[in-house]
Amino acid sequence: MDELDAVIVRELQRDGRQTNRELAGRLGIAPSTCLERVRALRKRGVIMGFHAEVDLAQLGRPLQALINVRLHPKVREAVEGFRAYVTELPETLAVFVVSGGDDFIIQVAVRDAGHLRDFVLDHVARHRNIADVRTSLVYDHIRTATSVTTSADSRERPSRLT
């Protein structure tokens, strides 16, 4: 990936809804070049999709939490089974399979503390392979764009590519 591709990715992370013409104008390149580059990035799997950022409070799910889960036994069937199960629950936003003391971190969004308690007790802790569950409330959720670097990043970056 060259410097132009890296800038395209950063710009699309900042605003994935901008038109090809707007993106090309920001980068100082021809719209046809921009479109060709974006298509190539999608084809190579660098850009996997475009997503809407949703205000969960507007959907009646203002409370977010991270649920740390440890399984027993730690066998492939248990991990894959729990991952498939928890991914399908409507409260689940993200599932991280991790190393260390825990096996999973599950990000959820719920109506309120009672809904969170019921979710943990009725859906997570009740699962047959659960050894331990710990829940943390999320006070703030700050998203950052993925850092895209190239070998040219060690030099000073121009504000516009020409």
N, C-alpha and C. Protein backbone atom coordinates (compact mmCIF):
# COMPACT_ATOMS: atom_id res chain seq x y z
N MET A 1 0.85 -1.17 0.00
CA MET A 1 0.00 0.00 0.00
C MET A 1 0.90 1.23 0.00
N ASP A 2 0.66 2.12 -0.94
CA ASP A 2 1.49 3.31 -1.02
C ASP A 2 0.85 4.47 -0.23
N GLU A 3 1.50 5.61 -0.25
CA GLU A 3 1.04 6.76 0.53
C GLU A 3 -0.34 7.23 0.10
N LEU A 4 -0.63 7.23 -1.19
CA LEU A 4 -1.94 7.66 -1.67
C LEU A 4 -3.04 6.72 -1.15
N ASP A 5 -2.80 5.42 -1.20
CA ASP A 5 -3.78 4.47 -0.66
C ASP A 5 -4.02 4.73 0.82
N ALA A 6 -2.95 4.99 1.57
CA ALA A 6 -3.08 5.24 3.01
C ALA A 6 -3.92 6.49 3.27
N VAL A 7 -3.72 7.52 2.47
CA VAL A 7 -4.50 8.75 2.64
C VAL A 7 -5.96 8.51 2.27
N ILE A 8 -6.22 7.74 1.23
CA ILE A 8 -7.59 7.40 0.84
C ILE A 8 -8.29 6.69 1.99
N VAL A 9 -7.61 5.71 2.58
CA VAL A 9 -8.21 4.95 3.70
C VAL A 9 -8.50 5.88 4.87
N ARG A 10 -7.56 6.74 5.22
CA ARG A 10 -7.78 7.68 6.34
C ARG A 10 -8.98 8.59 6.06
N GLU A 11 -9.06 9.10 4.85
CA GLU A 11 -10.17 10.00 4.49
C GLU A 11 -11.51 9.27 4.55
N LEU A 12 -11.55 8.04 4.07
CA LEU A 12 -12.81 7.28 4.10
C LEU A 12 -13.19 6.90 5.52
N GLN A 13 -12.20 6.70 6.39
CA GLN A 13 -12.51 6.44 7.80
C GLN A 13 -13.10 7.69 8.45
N ARG A 14 -12.61 8.83 8.06
CA ARG A 14 -13.11 10.09 8.60
C ARG A 14 -14.54 10.34 8.14
N ASP A 15 -14.81 10.07 6.84
CA ASP A 15 -16.15 10.28 6.29
C ASP A 15 -16.36 9.30 5.15
N GLY A 16 -16.98 8.18 5.44
CA GLY A 16 -17.23 7.15 4.44
C GLY A 16 -18.35 7.48 3.49
N ARG A 17 -19.10 8.56 3.76
CA ARG A 17 -20.22 8.93 2.91
C ARG A 17 -19.86 9.97 1.85
N GLN A 18 -18.65 10.47 1.88
CA GLN A 18 -18.29 11.48 0.89
C GLN A 18 -18.29 10.85 -0.50
N THR A 19 -18.61 11.66 -1.49
CA THR A 19 -18.65 11.17 -2.85
C THR A 19 -17.23 10.98 -3.37
N ASN A 20 -17.12 10.22 -4.44
CA ASN A 20 -15.82 10.01 -5.06
C ASN A 20 -15.24 11.36 -5.51
N ARG A 21 -16.08 12.23 -6.03
CA ARG A 21 -15.62 13.54 -6.49
C ARG A 21 -15.08 14.37 -5.32
N GLU A 22 -15.78 14.33 -4.17
CA GLU A 22 -15.31 15.05 -2.98
C GLU A 22 -13.97 14.48 -2.48
N LEU A 23 -13.88 13.17 -2.44
CA LEU A 23 -12.65 12.52 -2.00
C LEU A 23 -11.49 12.88 -2.93
N ALA A 24 -11.72 12.80 -4.22
CA ALA A 24 -10.68 13.13 -5.19
C ALA A 24 -10.25 14.59 -5.04
N GLY A 25 -11.22 15.49 -4.82
CA GLY A 25 -10.90 16.90 -4.62
C GLY A 25 -10.04 17.13 -3.38
N ARG A 26 -10.35 16.44 -2.29
CA ARG A 26 -9.56 16.57 -1.07
C ARG A 26 -8.12 16.10 -1.28
N LEU A 27 -7.96 15.10 -2.13
CA LEU A 27 -6.64 14.51 -2.35
C LEU A 27 -5.88 15.17 -3.50
N GLY A 28 -6.60 15.97 -4.29
CA GLY A 28 -5.95 16.62 -5.42
C GLY A 28 -5.64 15.67 -6.56
N ILE A 29 -6.51 14.67 -6.75
CA ILE A 29 -6.31 13.71 -7.84
C ILE A 29 -7.57 13.66 -8.70
N ALA A 30 -7.47 13.06 -9.86
CA ALA A 30 -8.61 12.94 -10.76
C ALA A 30 -9.63 11.97 -10.17
N PRO A 31 -10.94 12.25 -10.35
CA PRO A 31 -11.97 11.32 -9.86
C PRO A 31 -11.80 9.90 -10.39
N SER A 32 -11.36 9.76 -11.64
CA SER A 32 -11.18 8.41 -12.20
C SER A 32 -10.06 7.66 -11.47
N THR A 33 -9.00 8.36 -11.13
CA THR A 33 -7.89 7.76 -10.38
C THR A 33 -8.36 7.36 -8.99
N CYS A 34 -9.12 8.24 -8.37
CA CYS A 34 -9.63 7.97 -7.01
C CYS A 34 -10.53 6.73 -7.02
N LEU A 35 -11.46 6.68 -7.96
CA LEU A 35 -12.37 5.55 -8.05
C LEU A 35 -11.62 4.24 -8.28
N GLU A 36 -10.62 4.28 -9.16
CA GLU A 36 -9.81 3.10 -9.44
C GLU A 36 -9.08 2.63 -8.18
N ARG A 37 -8.53 3.57 -7.42
CA ARG A 37 -7.81 3.24 -6.18
C ARG A 37 -8.75 2.64 -5.14
N VAL A 38 -9.93 3.26 -4.96
CA VAL A 38 -10.88 2.76 -3.96
C VAL A 38 -11.34 1.35 -4.34
N ARG A 39 -11.64 1.14 -5.62
CA ARG A 39 -12.05 -0.20 -6.07
C ARG A 39 -10.95 -1.23 -5.82
N ALA A 40 -9.71 -0.85 -6.08
CA ALA A 40 -8.59 -1.77 -5.84
C ALA A 40 -8.43 -2.08 -4.35
N LEU A 41 -8.61 -1.07 -3.50
CA LEU A 41 -8.53 -1.29 -2.05
C LEU A 41 -9.64 -2.23 -1.58
N ARG A 42 -10.82 -2.10 -2.15
CA ARG A 42 -11.92 -3.01 -1.79
C ARG A 42 -11.63 -4.42 -2.29
N LYS A 43 -11.14 -4.53 -3.51
CA LYS A 43 -10.85 -5.85 -4.10
C LYS A 43 -9.78 -6.58 -3.30
N ARG A 44 -8.76 -5.84 -2.81
CA ARG A 44 -7.68 -6.44 -2.02
C ARG A 44 -8.11 -6.72 -0.58
N GLY A 45 -9.28 -6.26 -0.19
CA GLY A 45 -9.77 -6.51 1.17
C GLY A 45 -9.29 -5.51 2.20
N VAL A 46 -8.62 -4.43 1.76
CA VAL A 46 -8.20 -3.39 2.71
C VAL A 46 -9.44 -2.67 3.23
N ILE A 47 -10.31 -2.26 2.32
CA ILE A 47 -11.60 -1.67 2.70
C ILE A 47 -12.61 -2.81 2.63
N MET A 48 -13.16 -3.16 3.79
CA MET A 48 -14.06 -4.31 3.86
C MET A 48 -15.53 -3.92 3.77
N GLY A 49 -15.83 -2.65 3.97
CA GLY A 49 -17.22 -2.21 3.89
C GLY A 49 -17.37 -0.81 4.45
N PHE A 50 -18.57 -0.30 4.36
CA PHE A 50 -18.90 1.01 4.89
C PHE A 50 -20.04 0.82 5.87
N HIS A 51 -19.96 1.49 7.02
CA HIS A 51 -20.91 1.24 8.09
C HIS A 51 -21.51 2.54 8.61
N ALA A 52 -22.71 2.44 9.12
CA ALA A 52 -23.35 3.59 9.74
C ALA A 52 -23.03 3.60 11.23
N GLU A 53 -22.65 4.75 11.74
CA GLU A 53 -22.46 4.90 13.17
C GLU A 53 -23.82 5.28 13.75
N VAL A 54 -24.30 4.52 14.71
CA VAL A 54 -25.66 4.64 15.22
C VAL A 54 -25.64 5.14 16.66
N ASP A 55 -26.54 6.04 16.98
CA ASP A 55 -26.71 6.51 18.36
C ASP A 55 -27.56 5.47 19.09
N LEU A 56 -26.92 4.66 19.92
CA LEU A 56 -27.62 3.57 20.60
C LEU A 56 -28.71 4.08 21.53
N ALA A 57 -28.53 5.26 22.10
CA ALA A 57 -29.57 5.84 22.97
C ALA A 57 -30.86 6.07 22.18
N GLN A 58 -30.72 6.48 20.92
CA GLN A 58 -31.89 6.70 20.07
C GLN A 58 -32.62 5.39 19.76
N LEU A 59 -31.92 4.27 19.91
CA LEU A 59 -32.52 2.95 19.70
C LEU A 59 -33.02 2.33 21.00
N GLY A 60 -32.97 3.11 22.09
CA GLY A 60 -33.43 2.60 23.38
C GLY A 60 -32.41 1.71 24.08
N ARG A 61 -31.14 1.82 23.72
CA ARG A 61 -30.08 1.00 24.32
C ARG A 61 -28.91 1.90 24.74
N PRO A 62 -29.13 2.82 25.67
CA PRO A 62 -28.10 3.80 26.01
C PRO A 62 -26.97 3.28 26.90
N LEU A 63 -27.17 2.17 27.57
CA LEU A 63 -26.17 1.66 28.51
C LEU A 63 -25.30 0.60 27.83
N GLN A 64 -23.98 0.87 27.78
CA GLN A 64 -23.04 -0.10 27.22
C GLN A 64 -22.23 -0.73 28.34
N ALA A 65 -21.83 -1.96 28.12
CA ALA A 65 -21.01 -2.67 29.10
C ALA A 65 -20.05 -3.61 28.37
N LEU A 66 -18.96 -3.94 29.07
CA LEU A 66 -18.03 -4.95 28.61
C LEU A 66 -18.13 -6.12 29.58
N ILE A 67 -18.34 -7.29 29.03
CA ILE A 67 -18.50 -8.48 29.85
C ILE A 67 -17.30 -9.40 29.58
N ASN A 68 -16.49 -9.62 30.61
CA ASN A 68 -15.34 -10.52 30.50
C ASN A 68 -15.79 -11.92 30.88
N VAL A 69 -15.46 -12.88 30.06
CA VAL A 69 -15.93 -14.25 30.26
C VAL A 69 -14.74 -15.20 30.21
N ARG A 70 -14.73 -16.13 31.16
CA ARG A 70 -13.74 -17.21 31.18
C ARG A 70 -14.51 -18.51 31.04
N LEU A 71 -14.05 -19.37 30.14
CA LEU A 71 -14.70 -20.65 29.88
C LEU A 71 -13.98 -21.80 30.56
N HIS A 72 -14.72 -22.86 30.78
CA HIS A 72 -14.14 -24.12 31.24
C HIS A 72 -15.00 -25.24 30.67
N PRO A 73 -14.45 -26.19 30.00
CA PRO A 73 -13.03 -26.35 29.67
C PRO A 73 -12.65 -25.46 28.50
N LYS A 74 -11.35 -25.20 28.38
CA LYS A 74 -10.84 -24.38 27.28
C LYS A 74 -10.52 -25.28 26.10
N VAL A 75 -11.56 -25.69 25.42
CA VAL A 75 -11.42 -26.54 24.24
C VAL A 75 -12.09 -25.84 23.07
N ARG A 76 -11.66 -26.19 21.87
CA ARG A 76 -12.16 -25.54 20.66
C ARG A 76 -13.69 -25.55 20.59
N GLU A 77 -14.33 -26.64 20.89
CA GLU A 77 -15.77 -26.73 20.79
C GLU A 77 -16.46 -25.73 21.73
N ALA A 78 -15.92 -25.57 22.93
CA ALA A 78 -16.50 -24.63 23.89
C ALA A 78 -16.34 -23.19 23.40
N VAL A 79 -15.15 -22.86 22.91
CA VAL A 79 -14.89 -21.50 22.43
C VAL A 79 -15.76 -21.20 21.22
N GLU A 80 -15.77 -22.06 20.23
CA GLU A 80 -16.56 -21.82 19.03
C GLU A 80 -18.06 -21.81 19.32
N GLY A 81 -18.50 -22.70 20.21
CA GLY A 81 -19.92 -22.74 20.56
C GLY A 81 -20.37 -21.47 21.27
N PHE A 82 -19.58 -21.01 22.24
CA PHE A 82 -19.95 -19.80 22.96
C PHE A 82 -19.90 -18.58 22.04
N ARG A 83 -18.88 -18.52 21.19
CA ARG A 83 -18.76 -17.39 20.25
C ARG A 83 -19.98 -17.34 19.33
N ALA A 84 -20.39 -18.45 18.79
CA ALA A 84 -21.56 -18.49 17.91
C ALA A 84 -22.82 -18.09 18.67
N TYR A 85 -22.96 -18.58 19.89
CA TYR A 85 -24.13 -18.28 20.71
C TYR A 85 -24.24 -16.78 21.03
N VAL A 86 -23.17 -16.19 21.56
CA VAL A 86 -23.23 -14.81 22.03
C VAL A 86 -23.30 -13.82 20.87
N THR A 87 -22.74 -14.17 19.73
CA THR A 87 -22.78 -13.30 18.55
C THR A 87 -24.21 -13.09 18.07
N GLU A 88 -25.06 -14.07 18.25
CA GLU A 88 -26.44 -13.99 17.77
C GLU A 88 -27.38 -13.22 18.70
N LEU A 89 -26.96 -12.91 19.92
CA LEU A 89 -27.83 -12.21 20.86
C LEU A 89 -27.98 -10.75 20.43
N PRO A 90 -29.19 -10.21 20.42
CA PRO A 90 -29.41 -8.85 19.91
C PRO A 90 -28.70 -7.75 20.71
N GLU A 91 -28.39 -7.98 21.96
CA GLU A 91 -27.69 -6.99 22.78
C GLU A 91 -26.21 -6.86 22.43
N THR A 92 -25.66 -7.88 21.78
CA THR A 92 -24.24 -7.93 21.49
C THR A 92 -23.85 -6.97 20.37
N LEU A 93 -22.86 -6.12 20.65
CA LEU A 93 -22.31 -5.21 19.65
C LEU A 93 -21.03 -5.78 19.05
N ALA A 94 -20.17 -6.38 19.88
CA ALA A 94 -18.90 -6.91 19.42
C ALA A 94 -18.47 -8.05 20.33
N VAL A 95 -17.76 -9.00 19.76
CA VAL A 95 -17.22 -10.13 20.52
C VAL A 95 -15.73 -10.20 20.22
N PHE A 96 -14.93 -10.17 21.29
CA PHE A 96 -13.48 -10.28 21.16
C PHE A 96 -13.06 -11.59 21.80
N VAL A 97 -12.38 -12.43 21.05
CA VAL A 97 -11.79 -13.65 21.59
C VAL A 97 -10.36 -13.25 21.95
N VAL A 98 -10.01 -13.38 23.24
CA VAL A 98 -8.76 -12.81 23.73
C VAL A 98 -7.91 -13.85 24.45
N SER A 99 -6.65 -13.50 24.66
CA SER A 99 -5.76 -14.34 25.46
C SER A 99 -5.65 -13.73 26.85
N GLY A 100 -4.96 -14.43 27.73
CA GLY A 100 -4.80 -13.93 29.09
C GLY A 100 -5.76 -14.64 30.02
N GLY A 101 -6.17 -13.95 31.06
CA GLY A 101 -7.05 -14.54 32.07
C GLY A 101 -8.45 -14.82 31.57
N ASP A 102 -8.92 -14.04 30.61
CA ASP A 102 -10.27 -14.22 30.07
C ASP A 102 -10.19 -14.83 28.69
N ASP A 103 -11.33 -15.36 28.25
CA ASP A 103 -11.41 -15.94 26.91
C ASP A 103 -12.17 -15.03 25.95
N PHE A 104 -13.10 -14.25 26.49
CA PHE A 104 -13.92 -13.36 25.68
C PHE A 104 -14.10 -12.02 26.38
N ILE A 105 -14.25 -10.98 25.59
CA ILE A 105 -14.79 -9.71 26.06
C ILE A 105 -15.95 -9.41 25.12
N ILE A 106 -17.11 -9.23 25.69
CA ILE A 106 -18.32 -9.00 24.91
C ILE A 106 -18.77 -7.57 25.16
N GLN A 107 -18.94 -6.80 24.10
CA GLN A 107 -19.48 -5.45 24.22
C GLN A 107 -20.97 -5.53 23.94
N VAL A 108 -21.77 -5.01 24.88
CA VAL A 108 -23.22 -5.04 24.74
C VAL A 108 -23.80 -3.65 24.93
N ALA A 109 -25.00 -3.45 24.41
CA ALA A 109 -25.78 -2.23 24.63
C ALA A 109 -27.17 -2.67 25.07
N VAL A 110 -27.63 -2.10 26.19
CA VAL A 110 -28.91 -2.49 26.79
C VAL A 110 -29.70 -1.25 27.22
N ARG A 111 -30.97 -1.47 27.60
CA ARG A 111 -31.84 -0.37 28.04
C ARG A 111 -31.39 0.29 29.33
N ASP A 112 -31.05 -0.58 30.32
CA ASP A 112 -30.76 -0.06 31.66
C ASP A 112 -30.04 -1.13 32.47
N ALA A 113 -29.75 -0.82 33.73
CA ALA A 113 -29.01 -1.76 34.59
C ALA A 113 -29.76 -3.07 34.79
N GLY A 114 -31.08 -3.00 34.90
CA GLY A 114 -31.87 -4.22 35.04
C GLY A 114 -31.77 -5.12 33.82
N HIS A 115 -31.80 -4.52 32.66
CA HIS A 115 -31.66 -5.29 31.42
C HIS A 115 -30.27 -5.93 31.35
N LEU A 116 -29.24 -5.18 31.79
CA LEU A 116 -27.88 -5.72 31.81
C LEU A 116 -27.80 -6.91 32.76
N ARG A 117 -28.34 -6.75 33.97
CA ARG A 117 -28.34 -7.86 34.94
C ARG A 117 -29.03 -9.09 34.36
N ASP A 118 -30.21 -8.90 33.76
CA ASP A 118 -30.94 -10.03 33.19
C ASP A 118 -30.17 -10.67 32.03
N PHE A 119 -29.52 -9.84 31.21
CA PHE A 119 -28.74 -10.37 30.10
C PHE A 119 -27.60 -11.25 30.62
N VAL A 120 -26.88 -10.74 31.61
CA VAL A 120 -25.75 -11.50 32.16
C VAL A 120 -26.24 -12.80 32.80
N LEU A 121 -27.27 -12.72 33.63
CA LEU A 121 -27.75 -13.90 34.34
C LEU A 121 -28.45 -14.91 33.43
N ASP A 122 -29.29 -14.41 32.53
CA ASP A 122 -30.11 -15.30 31.70
C ASP A 122 -29.42 -15.81 30.44
N HIS A 123 -28.45 -15.05 29.93
CA HIS A 123 -27.84 -15.45 28.66
C HIS A 123 -26.37 -15.80 28.75
N VAL A 124 -25.62 -15.10 29.59
CA VAL A 124 -24.17 -15.34 29.64
C VAL A 124 -23.83 -16.35 30.72
N ALA A 125 -24.11 -16.02 31.96
CA ALA A 125 -23.70 -16.87 33.08
C ALA A 125 -24.35 -18.25 33.04
N ARG A 126 -25.47 -18.35 32.41
CA ARG A 126 -26.21 -19.61 32.34
C ARG A 126 -25.62 -20.59 31.32
N HIS A 127 -24.81 -20.10 30.41
CA HIS A 127 -24.24 -20.96 29.38
C HIS A 127 -23.41 -22.07 30.03
N ARG A 128 -23.45 -23.26 29.50
CA ARG A 128 -22.88 -24.45 30.14
C ARG A 128 -21.37 -24.42 30.34
N ASN A 129 -20.61 -23.63 29.56
CA ASN A 129 -19.16 -23.65 29.68
C ASN A 129 -18.58 -22.44 30.41
N ILE A 130 -19.40 -21.70 31.12
CA ILE A 130 -18.93 -20.49 31.79
C ILE A 130 -18.27 -20.84 33.12
N ALA A 131 -17.04 -20.35 33.31
CA ALA A 131 -16.34 -20.51 34.59
C ALA A 131 -16.43 -19.23 35.41
N ASP A 132 -16.40 -18.06 34.73
CA ASP A 132 -16.43 -16.78 35.44
C ASP A 132 -16.93 -15.69 34.51
N VAL A 133 -17.65 -14.71 35.09
CA VAL A 133 -18.17 -13.56 34.34
C VAL A 133 -17.93 -12.31 35.18
N ARG A 134 -17.38 -11.27 34.55
CA ARG A 134 -17.22 -9.97 35.20
C ARG A 134 -17.73 -8.91 34.25
N THR A 135 -18.46 -7.94 34.78
CA THR A 135 -19.07 -6.91 33.95
C THR A 135 -18.57 -5.53 34.35
N SER A 136 -18.26 -4.71 33.34
CA SER A 136 -17.85 -3.33 33.56
C SER A 136 -18.75 -2.41 32.73
N LEU A 137 -19.24 -1.35 33.36
CA LEU A 137 -20.03 -0.36 32.62
C LEU A 137 -19.10 0.52 31.81
N VAL A 138 -19.56 0.94 30.65
CA VAL A 138 -18.79 1.85 29.79
C VAL A 138 -19.32 3.25 30.04
N TYR A 139 -18.46 4.13 30.52
CA TYR A 139 -18.85 5.53 30.75
C TYR A 139 -18.81 6.32 29.45
N ASP A 140 -17.73 6.19 28.71
CA ASP A 140 -17.56 6.86 27.43
C ASP A 140 -16.98 5.88 26.43
N HIS A 141 -17.37 6.03 25.17
CA HIS A 141 -16.85 5.19 24.10
C HIS A 141 -16.32 6.12 23.02
N ILE A 142 -15.02 6.20 22.91
CA ILE A 142 -14.38 7.07 21.94
C ILE A 142 -13.80 6.21 20.84
N ARG A 143 -14.27 6.42 19.61
CA ARG A 143 -13.75 5.67 18.47
C ARG A 143 -12.63 6.47 17.82
N THR A 144 -11.60 5.75 17.44
CA THR A 144 -10.52 6.37 16.69
C THR A 144 -10.38 5.63 15.37
N ALA A 145 -9.88 6.31 14.37
CA ALA A 145 -9.64 5.68 13.08
C ALA A 145 -8.43 4.77 13.20
N THR A 146 -8.44 3.70 12.45
CA THR A 146 -7.31 2.80 12.40
C THR A 146 -6.12 3.55 11.83
N SER A 147 -4.99 3.43 12.47
CA SER A 147 -3.79 4.08 11.99
C SER A 147 -3.30 3.36 10.74
N VAL A 148 -3.17 4.11 9.67
CA VAL A 148 -2.70 3.56 8.41
C VAL A 148 -1.33 4.15 8.15
N THR A 149 -0.32 3.29 8.09
CA THR A 149 1.04 3.78 7.87
C THR A 149 1.64 3.11 6.65
N THR A 150 2.56 3.80 6.06
CA THR A 150 3.32 3.26 4.93
C THR A 150 4.79 3.52 5.20
N SER A 151 5.63 3.00 4.36
CA SER A 151 7.06 3.26 4.53
C SER A 151 7.37 4.73 4.34
N ALA A 152 6.51 5.45 3.64
CA ALA A 152 6.73 6.89 3.43
C ALA A 152 6.36 7.71 4.67
N ASP A 153 5.71 7.11 5.65
CA ASP A 153 5.29 7.84 6.84
C ASP A 153 6.45 8.32 7.69
N SER A 154 7.63 7.79 7.47
CA SER A 154 8.79 8.25 8.25
C SER A 154 9.23 9.63 7.77
N ARG A 155 8.80 10.00 6.57
CA ARG A 155 9.09 11.34 6.06
C ARG A 155 7.90 12.24 6.35
N GLU A 156 8.07 13.53 6.17
CA GLU A 156 6.98 14.48 6.40
C GLU A 156 5.90 14.26 5.35
N ARG A 157 4.63 14.21 5.78
CA ARG A 157 3.51 14.00 4.90
C ARG A 157 3.05 15.32 4.27
N PRO A 158 2.82 15.36 2.96
CA PRO A 158 2.26 16.57 2.37
C PRO A 158 0.79 16.70 2.72
N SER A 159 0.28 17.93 2.75
CA SER A 159 -1.12 18.12 3.08
C SER A 159 -2.01 17.71 1.92
N ARG A 160 -1.52 17.80 0.69
CA ARG A 160 -2.26 17.35 -0.50
C ARG A 160 -1.31 16.55 -1.36
N LEU A 161 -1.84 15.52 -1.94
CA LEU A 161 -1.02 14.72 -2.85
C LEU A 161 -1.20 15.26 -4.26
N THR A 162 -0.13 15.37 -4.99
CA THR A 162 -0.23 15.86 -6.38
C THR A 162 0.33 14.87 -7.34
